[in-house]
Amino acid sequence: MMKIGVLGYGRAGKAVVNVLSSDPRFELRWVMRGRAATATPLEGLEQALLVGLEGLDLEQWFDQHPVDAVVDFSQADAVYRYGELLRERGIMLVSAISAYSPEHLEYLRQMGQDTRVMSSPNITLGINFLLLAAKMLREIAPFADVEVIEQHFRDKPEVSGTARKIAETLHLEDDRITSLRLGGIVGHHEVVFGFPHQTVRLVHDSIRREAFGTGAAFALEELARCDKGFYSFDDLLMQKIRHQLLNMGG
C-alpha cells in the first residue's frame, strides 16, 4: 500500500482527500494546509493528520511521518519548501498546480533527476484524454478551424488555465478561447473542429471536484511504474495506452 501525503486543503484538496482516503491502494498519512496549525487527527479520518505548513520543520516532519508520494494541490512556490526533501528521500511528486512559471517547471525537471515527478495543470483523466484526442485530430486535419470554449462558476475571474493549455497544445492564440461564467459550473471545456462538411466536438464536463482525486490516483499508480524523471499526464496516459494496445495485440 502506497503511503501518501497531500498538500492543499481547499475545495480541490478536500475532494482529492475524499478519493484517496477511500482507495484501498493508498494510505493517506497526512494533509498540509497553508496556515500554521498543530497536527491533529483529520476529521472523519482518524489515521491521518492535518497540519499547517507555515512554520513547520519539514525535515523533521518527513522523518517522523514518512510517505512514498506527495500530491500537491496548494500553490506554486510551495515546491521550493519541500522539493529538496523529496529529492533526497526519493519521494514521488504528483503536482496539479496550474500557475507554475517556467522557473517552477525547470525546478521540477531538475527534481526529476533524483525522483519521479509528474506535473499537470489539470489532473482530471477526462481532460487529459481530451487533450490527447484533440492533438491527434489537429495532426490529422491541420486545415480545420479550431475553437476552444470554457465555462466555469460565476466568480472565477481568470481564463481557465486548462483552456490555455489546450490552446497552447493545439498552437492556437488565446483569442481563440471563448470564456463563459455561469452559476455554479465546476468546469466545462470544449474543443470544436470545423470542417467544410462536418463538425467534431470534444467535450469534457467536471461534475464534482472528486474527478481531481480520480486523476491523482491514476497518476500515482502509473508514476510508480516509471523510472526517475519528469513526466506530464500525457506521458502517463500514453504509457497506459501503449500497454493496453500491446495486451490487445496478444
C-alpha atoms as a PDB file:
ATOM      1  CA  MET A   1       0.000   0.000   0.000  1.00  0.00           C
ATOM      2  CA  MET A   2       1.405   3.377  -1.049  1.00  0.00           C
ATOM      3  CA  LYS A   3       1.717   5.957   1.753  1.00  0.00           C
ATOM      4  CA  ILE A   4       0.508   9.410   0.652  1.00  0.00           C
ATOM      5  CA  GLY A   5       0.791  12.992   1.881  1.00  0.00           C
ATOM      6  CA  VAL A   6      -1.386  15.772   0.424  1.00  0.00           C
ATOM      7  CA  LEU A   7      -0.559  19.489   0.262  1.00  0.00           C
ATOM      8  CA  GLY A   8      -3.504  21.854  -0.027  1.00  0.00           C
ATOM      9  CA  TYR A   9      -6.856  21.596   1.735  1.00  0.00           C
ATOM     10  CA  GLY A  10      -9.066  23.922  -0.244  1.00  0.00           C
ATOM     11  CA  ARG A  11     -12.055  22.753  -2.263  1.00  0.00           C
ATOM     12  CA  ALA A  12      -9.965  20.694  -4.683  1.00  0.00           C
ATOM     13  CA  GLY A  13      -7.678  19.360  -1.954  1.00  0.00           C
ATOM     14  CA  LYS A  14     -10.603  18.180   0.171  1.00  0.00           C
ATOM     15  CA  ALA A  15     -12.109  16.366  -2.824  1.00  0.00           C
ATOM     16  CA  VAL A  16      -8.774  14.666  -3.511  1.00  0.00           C
ATOM     17  CA  VAL A  17      -8.509  13.620   0.138  1.00  0.00           C
ATOM     18  CA  ASN A  18     -12.019  12.099  -0.084  1.00  0.00           C
ATOM     19  CA  VAL A  19     -10.987   9.933  -3.031  1.00  0.00           C
ATOM     20  CA  LEU A  20      -7.506   8.890  -1.903  1.00  0.00           C
ATOM     21  CA  SER A  21      -8.601   8.084   1.647  1.00  0.00           C
ATOM     22  CA  SER A  22     -11.233   5.641   0.366  1.00  0.00           C
ATOM     23  CA  ASP A  23      -8.967   3.958  -2.217  1.00  0.00           C
ATOM     24  CA  PRO A  24      -7.540   0.651  -0.877  1.00  0.00           C
ATOM     25  CA  ARG A  25      -4.331   1.139  -2.903  1.00  0.00           C
ATOM     26  CA  PHE A  26      -3.305   4.116  -0.771  1.00  0.00           C
ATOM     27  CA  GLU A  27      -2.789   5.007   2.873  1.00  0.00           C
ATOM     28  CA  LEU A  28      -3.342   8.711   3.498  1.00  0.00           C
ATOM     29  CA  ARG A  29      -0.892   9.676   6.238  1.00  0.00           C
ATOM     30  CA  TRP A  30      -1.264  13.462   6.420  1.00  0.00           C
ATOM     31  CA  VAL A  31      -2.665  16.614   4.853  1.00  0.00           C
ATOM     32  CA  MET A  32      -0.970  20.041   4.981  1.00  0.00           C
ATOM     33  CA  ARG A  33      -2.687  23.386   4.613  1.00  0.00           C
ATOM     34  CA  GLY A  34      -1.078  26.813   4.409  1.00  0.00           C
ATOM     35  CA  ARG A  35      -1.776  28.472   7.734  1.00  0.00           C
ATOM     36  CA  ALA A  36       0.028  27.426  10.896  1.00  0.00           C
ATOM     37  CA  ALA A  37      -1.731  24.707  12.878  1.00  0.00           C
ATOM     38  CA  THR A  38      -0.788  21.996  15.341  1.00  0.00           C
ATOM     39  CA  ALA A  39      -1.075  18.476  13.944  1.00  0.00           C
ATOM     40  CA  THR A  40      -4.482  16.992  14.760  1.00  0.00           C
ATOM     41  CA  PRO A  41      -6.384  13.931  13.505  1.00  0.00           C
ATOM     42  CA  LEU A  42      -8.229  14.728  10.287  1.00  0.00           C
ATOM     43  CA  GLU A  43     -11.971  14.876  10.853  1.00  0.00           C
ATOM     44  CA  GLY A  44     -13.532  11.587   9.786  1.00  0.00           C
ATOM     45  CA  LEU A  45     -10.102  10.044   9.119  1.00  0.00           C
ATOM     46  CA  GLU A  46      -8.528   9.359  12.475  1.00  0.00           C
ATOM     47  CA  GLN A  47      -5.490   7.630  10.934  1.00  0.00           C
ATOM     48  CA  ALA A  48      -4.466  10.790   9.024  1.00  0.00           C
ATOM     49  CA  LEU A  49      -3.125  14.069  10.436  1.00  0.00           C
ATOM     50  CA  LEU A  50      -3.993  17.638   9.421  1.00  0.00           C
ATOM     51  CA  VAL A  51      -1.151  20.119   9.951  1.00  0.00           C
ATOM     52  CA  GLY A  52      -0.203  23.656   8.901  1.00  0.00           C
ATOM     53  CA  LEU A  53       2.723  24.189   6.526  1.00  0.00           C
ATOM     54  CA  GLU A  54       3.563  27.660   7.861  1.00  0.00           C
ATOM     55  CA  GLY A  55       6.400  27.453  10.391  1.00  0.00           C
ATOM     56  CA  LEU A  56       6.617  23.658  10.195  1.00  0.00           C
ATOM     57  CA  ASP A  57      10.020  21.930  10.372  1.00  0.00           C
ATOM     58  CA  LEU A  58       9.531  19.904   7.200  1.00  0.00           C
ATOM     59  CA  GLU A  59      12.688  17.823   7.523  1.00  0.00           C
ATOM     60  CA  GLN A  60      11.613  16.639  10.955  1.00  0.00           C
ATOM     61  CA  TRP A  61       8.053  16.101   9.729  1.00  0.00           C
ATOM     62  CA  PHE A  62       9.117  13.874   6.835  1.00  0.00           C
ATOM     63  CA  ASP A  63      11.387  11.893   9.154  1.00  0.00           C
ATOM     64  CA  GLN A  64       8.596  11.315  11.659  1.00  0.00           C
ATOM     65  CA  HIS A  65       5.776  10.846   9.114  1.00  0.00           C
ATOM     66  CA  PRO A  66       7.387   9.207   6.050  1.00  0.00           C
ATOM     67  CA  VAL A  67       5.459   8.828   2.802  1.00  0.00           C
ATOM     68  CA  ASP A  68       6.094   7.288  -0.616  1.00  0.00           C
ATOM     69  CA  ALA A  69       4.469  10.121  -2.549  1.00  0.00           C
ATOM     70  CA  VAL A  70       3.214  13.692  -2.177  1.00  0.00           C
ATOM     71  CA  VAL A  71       0.196  15.078  -4.034  1.00  0.00           C
ATOM     72  CA  ASP A  72       0.302  18.880  -4.312  1.00  0.00           C
ATOM     73  CA  PHE A  73      -2.875  20.957  -4.711  1.00  0.00           C
ATOM     74  CA  SER A  74      -1.525  24.006  -2.868  1.00  0.00           C
ATOM     75  CA  GLN A  75       0.291  26.903  -4.588  1.00  0.00           C
ATOM     76  CA  ALA A  76       3.262  27.251  -6.901  1.00  0.00           C
ATOM     77  CA  ASP A  77       6.017  28.376  -4.512  1.00  0.00           C
ATOM     78  CA  ALA A  78       5.359  25.512  -2.088  1.00  0.00           C
ATOM     79  CA  VAL A  79       7.584  23.275  -4.226  1.00  0.00           C
ATOM     80  CA  TYR A  80      10.609  25.297  -3.110  1.00  0.00           C
ATOM     81  CA  ARG A  81       9.778  24.401   0.511  1.00  0.00           C
ATOM     82  CA  TYR A  82       9.631  20.649   0.083  1.00  0.00           C
ATOM     83  CA  GLY A  83      11.436  19.962  -3.201  1.00  0.00           C
ATOM     84  CA  GLU A  84      14.896  19.128  -1.844  1.00  0.00           C
ATOM     85  CA  LEU A  85      13.436  16.860   0.835  1.00  0.00           C
ATOM     86  CA  LEU A  86      11.643  14.825  -1.820  1.00  0.00           C
ATOM     87  CA  ARG A  87      14.787  14.640  -3.944  1.00  0.00           C
ATOM     88  CA  GLU A  88      16.921  13.454  -1.029  1.00  0.00           C
ATOM     89  CA  ARG A  89      14.401  10.800   0.007  1.00  0.00           C
ATOM     90  CA  GLY A  90      13.296   9.673  -3.477  1.00  0.00           C
ATOM     91  CA  ILE A  91       9.676  10.558  -2.729  1.00  0.00           C
ATOM     92  CA  MET A  92       7.386  10.785  -5.767  1.00  0.00           C
ATOM     93  CA  LEU A  93       5.573  14.030  -6.547  1.00  0.00           C
ATOM     94  CA  VAL A  94       2.221  14.390  -8.306  1.00  0.00           C
ATOM     95  CA  SER A  95       1.529  18.099  -8.768  1.00  0.00           C
ATOM     96  CA  ALA A  96      -1.705  19.641 -10.033  1.00  0.00           C
ATOM     97  CA  ILE A  97      -0.630  23.295  -9.785  1.00  0.00           C
ATOM     98  CA  SER A  98      -1.862  25.322 -12.776  1.00  0.00           C
ATOM     99  CA  ALA A  99       0.104  28.524 -12.040  1.00  0.00           C
ATOM    100  CA  TYR A 100       3.687  27.304 -12.418  1.00  0.00           C
ATOM    101  CA  SER A 101       6.095  29.725 -14.089  1.00  0.00           C
ATOM    102  CA  PRO A 102       8.846  28.498 -16.442  1.00  0.00           C
ATOM    103  CA  GLU A 103      11.203  28.736 -13.440  1.00  0.00           C
ATOM    104  CA  HIS A 104       8.970  26.463 -11.370  1.00  0.00           C
ATOM    105  CA  LEU A 105       8.796  23.929 -14.180  1.00  0.00           C
ATOM    106  CA  GLU A 106      12.571  23.970 -14.624  1.00  0.00           C
ATOM    107  CA  TYR A 107      12.944  23.260 -10.907  1.00  0.00           C
ATOM    108  CA  LEU A 108      10.546  20.306 -11.232  1.00  0.00           C
ATOM    109  CA  ARG A 109      12.589  18.967 -14.148  1.00  0.00           C
ATOM    110  CA  GLN A 110      15.710  19.176 -12.001  1.00  0.00           C
ATOM    111  CA  MET A 111      13.894  17.264  -9.258  1.00  0.00           C
ATOM    112  CA  GLY A 112      13.250  14.571 -11.849  1.00  0.00           C
ATOM    113  CA  GLN A 113      16.968  13.791 -11.897  1.00  0.00           C
ATOM    114  CA  ASP A 114      16.619  12.249  -8.429  1.00  0.00           C
ATOM    115  CA  THR A 115      12.990  11.148  -8.121  1.00  0.00           C
ATOM    116  CA  ARG A 116       9.776  10.705 -10.122  1.00  0.00           C
ATOM    117  CA  VAL A 117       7.788  13.880 -10.793  1.00  0.00           C
ATOM    118  CA  MET A 118       4.503  14.388 -12.642  1.00  0.00           C
ATOM    119  CA  SER A 119       3.098  17.868 -13.238  1.00  0.00           C
ATOM    120  CA  SER A 120      -0.190  18.733 -14.925  1.00  0.00           C
ATOM    121  CA  PRO A 121      -2.232  21.986 -14.790  1.00  0.00           C
ATOM    122  CA  ASN A 122      -5.376  19.837 -14.856  1.00  0.00           C
ATOM    123  CA  ILE A 123      -5.186  16.365 -13.383  1.00  0.00           C
ATOM    124  CA  THR A 124      -8.591  15.021 -14.404  1.00  0.00           C
ATOM    125  CA  LEU A 125      -8.350  11.899 -16.515  1.00  0.00           C
ATOM    126  CA  GLY A 126     -11.050  13.080 -18.915  1.00  0.00           C
ATOM    127  CA  ILE A 127      -9.393  16.420 -19.718  1.00  0.00           C
ATOM    128  CA  ASN A 128      -6.083  14.770 -20.438  1.00  0.00           C
ATOM    129  CA  PHE A 129      -7.723  12.221 -22.721  1.00  0.00           C
ATOM    130  CA  LEU A 130      -9.468  15.144 -24.465  1.00  0.00           C
ATOM    131  CA  LEU A 131      -6.095  16.862 -24.906  1.00  0.00           C
ATOM    132  CA  LEU A 132      -4.586  13.741 -26.417  1.00  0.00           C
ATOM    133  CA  ALA A 133      -7.518  13.216 -28.806  1.00  0.00           C
ATOM    134  CA  ALA A 134      -7.512  16.901 -29.825  1.00  0.00           C
ATOM    135  CA  LYS A 135      -3.799  16.808 -30.536  1.00  0.00           C
ATOM    136  CA  MET A 136      -4.207  13.722 -32.724  1.00  0.00           C
ATOM    137  CA  LEU A 137      -7.080  15.278 -34.681  1.00  0.00           C
ATOM    138  CA  ARG A 138      -5.091  18.505 -35.130  1.00  0.00           C
ATOM    139  CA  GLU A 139      -2.253  16.461 -36.658  1.00  0.00           C
ATOM    140  CA  ILE A 140      -4.654  14.570 -38.924  1.00  0.00           C
ATOM    141  CA  ALA A 141      -6.543  17.680 -40.079  1.00  0.00           C
ATOM    142  CA  PRO A 142      -4.338  20.806 -39.723  1.00  0.00           C
ATOM    143  CA  PHE A 143      -6.644  22.653 -42.150  1.00  0.00           C
ATOM    144  CA  ALA A 144      -9.670  22.535 -39.817  1.00  0.00           C
ATOM    145  CA  ASP A 145     -10.897  25.625 -37.954  1.00  0.00           C
ATOM    146  CA  VAL A 146     -10.435  25.149 -34.208  1.00  0.00           C
ATOM    147  CA  GLU A 147     -12.004  26.993 -31.275  1.00  0.00           C
ATOM    148  CA  VAL A 148     -11.848  26.376 -27.523  1.00  0.00           C
ATOM    149  CA  ILE A 149     -14.822  27.068 -25.227  1.00  0.00           C
ATOM    150  CA  GLU A 150     -14.534  27.075 -21.445  1.00  0.00           C
ATOM    151  CA  GLN A 151     -17.285  27.585 -18.859  1.00  0.00           C
ATOM    152  CA  HIS A 152     -16.819  27.922 -15.092  1.00  0.00           C
ATOM    153  CA  PHE A 153     -18.581  29.149 -11.972  1.00  0.00           C
ATOM    154  CA  ARG A 154     -19.614  32.795 -11.885  1.00  0.00           C
ATOM    155  CA  ASP A 155     -16.833  34.041  -9.587  1.00  0.00           C
ATOM    156  CA  LYS A 156     -13.845  32.531 -11.416  1.00  0.00           C
ATOM    157  CA  PRO A 157     -12.008  35.671 -12.589  1.00  0.00           C
ATOM    158  CA  GLU A 158      -9.305  34.436 -14.946  1.00  0.00           C
ATOM    159  CA  VAL A 159      -9.341  32.455 -18.175  1.00  0.00           C
ATOM    160  CA  SER A 160      -9.101  28.773 -17.373  1.00  0.00           C
ATOM    161  CA  GLY A 161      -5.512  27.506 -17.184  1.00  0.00           C
ATOM    162  CA  THR A 162      -6.736  24.285 -18.748  1.00  0.00           C
ATOM    163  CA  ALA A 163      -8.205  26.181 -21.713  1.00  0.00           C
ATOM    164  CA  ARG A 164      -4.886  27.982 -22.168  1.00  0.00           C
ATOM    165  CA  LYS A 165      -3.112  24.623 -22.070  1.00  0.00           C
ATOM    166  CA  ILE A 166      -5.464  23.220 -24.720  1.00  0.00           C
ATOM    167  CA  ALA A 167      -4.852  26.272 -26.926  1.00  0.00           C
ATOM    168  CA  GLU A 168      -1.097  26.013 -26.439  1.00  0.00           C
ATOM    169  CA  THR A 169      -1.118  22.304 -27.266  1.00  0.00           C
ATOM    170  CA  LEU A 170      -3.053  22.969 -30.483  1.00  0.00           C
ATOM    171  CA  HIS A 171      -0.896  26.016 -31.407  1.00  0.00           C
ATOM    172  CA  LEU A 172      -3.799  28.453 -31.060  1.00  0.00           C
ATOM    173  CA  GLU A 173      -3.703  32.055 -29.887  1.00  0.00           C
ATOM    174  CA  ASP A 174      -5.569  32.976 -26.704  1.00  0.00           C
ATOM    175  CA  ASP A 175      -8.157  34.904 -28.724  1.00  0.00           C
ATOM    176  CA  ARG A 176      -9.432  31.526 -29.957  1.00  0.00           C
ATOM    177  CA  ILE A 177     -10.678  30.829 -26.424  1.00  0.00           C
ATOM    178  CA  THR A 178     -14.253  31.785 -25.507  1.00  0.00           C
ATOM    179  CA  SER A 179     -14.948  32.058 -21.760  1.00  0.00           C
ATOM    180  CA  LEU A 180     -18.363  31.978 -20.082  1.00  0.00           C
ATOM    181  CA  ARG A 181     -19.106  32.441 -16.362  1.00  0.00           C
ATOM    182  CA  LEU A 182     -22.425  30.941 -15.332  1.00  0.00           C
ATOM    183  CA  GLY A 183     -23.893  29.964 -11.965  1.00  0.00           C
ATOM    184  CA  GLY A 184     -22.045  27.163 -10.201  1.00  0.00           C
ATOM    185  CA  ILE A 185     -20.499  25.272 -13.133  1.00  0.00           C
ATOM    186  CA  VAL A 186     -17.496  23.311 -11.861  1.00  0.00           C
ATOM    187  CA  GLY A 187     -15.747  23.179 -15.229  1.00  0.00           C
ATOM    188  CA  HIS A 188     -16.658  22.707 -18.902  1.00  0.00           C
ATOM    189  CA  HIS A 189     -14.101  22.534 -21.715  1.00  0.00           C
ATOM    190  CA  GLU A 190     -14.903  22.023 -25.359  1.00  0.00           C
ATOM    191  CA  VAL A 191     -12.743  21.870 -28.487  1.00  0.00           C
ATOM    192  CA  VAL A 192     -14.616  22.446 -31.742  1.00  0.00           C
ATOM    193  CA  PHE A 193     -13.109  21.365 -35.070  1.00  0.00           C
ATOM    194  CA  GLY A 194     -14.844  22.938 -38.069  1.00  0.00           C
ATOM    195  CA  PHE A 195     -14.502  21.055 -41.362  1.00  0.00           C
ATOM    196  CA  PRO A 196     -16.106  22.057 -44.683  1.00  0.00           C
ATOM    197  CA  HIS A 197     -18.828  19.393 -44.367  1.00  0.00           C
ATOM    198  CA  GLN A 198     -18.800  18.312 -40.735  1.00  0.00           C
ATOM    199  CA  THR A 199     -18.071  19.434 -37.191  1.00  0.00           C
ATOM    200  CA  VAL A 200     -16.315  17.491 -34.451  1.00  0.00           C
ATOM    201  CA  ARG A 201     -16.757  18.494 -30.801  1.00  0.00           C
ATOM    202  CA  LEU A 202     -14.631  17.095 -27.984  1.00  0.00           C
ATOM    203  CA  VAL A 203     -16.310  17.880 -24.644  1.00  0.00           C
ATOM    204  CA  HIS A 204     -15.377  17.391 -21.014  1.00  0.00           C
ATOM    205  CA  ASP A 205     -17.530  18.338 -18.018  1.00  0.00           C
ATOM    206  CA  SER A 206     -16.291  18.246 -14.434  1.00  0.00           C
ATOM    207  CA  ILE A 207     -19.325  17.249 -12.372  1.00  0.00           C
ATOM    208  CA  ARG A 208     -17.623  17.067  -8.984  1.00  0.00           C
ATOM    209  CA  ARG A 209     -14.141  18.014  -7.811  1.00  0.00           C
ATOM    210  CA  GLU A 210     -13.584  14.378  -6.859  1.00  0.00           C
ATOM    211  CA  ALA A 211     -12.573  13.986 -10.529  1.00  0.00           C
ATOM    212  CA  PHE A 212      -9.256  15.548  -9.456  1.00  0.00           C
ATOM    213  CA  GLY A 213      -8.825  12.730  -6.938  1.00  0.00           C
ATOM    214  CA  THR A 214      -9.500  10.064  -9.545  1.00  0.00           C
ATOM    215  CA  GLY A 215      -6.855  11.652 -11.776  1.00  0.00           C
ATOM    216  CA  ALA A 216      -4.377  11.872  -8.896  1.00  0.00           C
ATOM    217  CA  ALA A 217      -4.917   8.166  -8.121  1.00  0.00           C
ATOM    218  CA  PHE A 218      -4.267   7.270 -11.776  1.00  0.00           C
ATOM    219  CA  ALA A 219      -1.121   9.421 -11.834  1.00  0.00           C
ATOM    220  CA  LEU A 220       0.225   7.877  -8.618  1.00  0.00           C
ATOM    221  CA  GLU A 221      -0.253   4.331  -9.876  1.00  0.00           C
ATOM    222  CA  GLU A 222       1.288   4.993 -13.296  1.00  0.00           C
ATOM    223  CA  LEU A 223       4.152   7.154 -11.989  1.00  0.00           C
ATOM    224  CA  ALA A 224       5.171   4.334  -9.634  1.00  0.00           C
ATOM    225  CA  ARG A 225       5.885   2.225 -12.733  1.00  0.00           C
ATOM    226  CA  CYS A 226       8.213   4.851 -14.227  1.00  0.00           C
ATOM    227  CA  ASP A 227      11.927   5.455 -13.883  1.00  0.00           C
ATOM    228  CA  LYS A 228      13.188   8.643 -12.272  1.00  0.00           C
ATOM    229  CA  GLY A 229      12.291  11.651 -14.387  1.00  0.00           C
ATOM    230  CA  PHE A 230       9.880  14.482 -15.121  1.00  0.00           C
ATOM    231  CA  TYR A 231       6.568  13.465 -16.696  1.00  0.00           C
ATOM    232  CA  SER A 232       3.391  15.094 -17.930  1.00  0.00           C
ATOM    233  CA  PHE A 233      -0.024  13.488 -17.538  1.00  0.00           C
ATOM    234  CA  ASP A 234       0.151  12.914 -21.295  1.00  0.00           C
ATOM    235  CA  ASP A 235       3.267  10.777 -20.807  1.00  0.00           C
ATOM    236  CA  LEU A 236       1.494   8.602 -18.229  1.00  0.00           C
ATOM    237  CA  LEU A 237      -1.617   8.310 -20.377  1.00  0.00           C
ATOM    238  CA  MET A 238       0.420   7.239 -23.412  1.00  0.00           C
ATOM    239  CA  GLN A 239       2.230   4.693 -21.260  1.00  0.00           C
ATOM    240  CA  LYS A 240      -1.135   3.207 -20.274  1.00  0.00           C
ATOM    241  CA  ILE A 241      -2.450   3.240 -23.861  1.00  0.00           C
ATOM    242  CA  ARG A 242       0.676   1.509 -25.197  1.00  0.00           C
ATOM    243  CA  HIS A 243       0.324  -1.157 -22.516  1.00  0.00           C
ATOM    244  CA  GLN A 244      -3.336  -1.692 -23.431  1.00  0.00           C
ATOM    245  CA  LEU A 245      -2.561  -1.927 -27.155  1.00  0.00           C
ATOM    246  CA  LEU A 246       0.167  -4.489 -26.545  1.00  0.00           C
ATOM    247  CA  ASN A 247      -2.226  -6.577 -24.478  1.00  0.00           C
ATOM    248  CA  MET A 248      -4.889  -6.347 -27.174  1.00  0.00           C
ATOM    249  CA  GLY A 249      -2.339  -7.484 -29.749  1.00  0.00           C
ATOM    250  CA  GLY A 250      -1.542 -10.514 -27.614  1.00  0.00           C
END
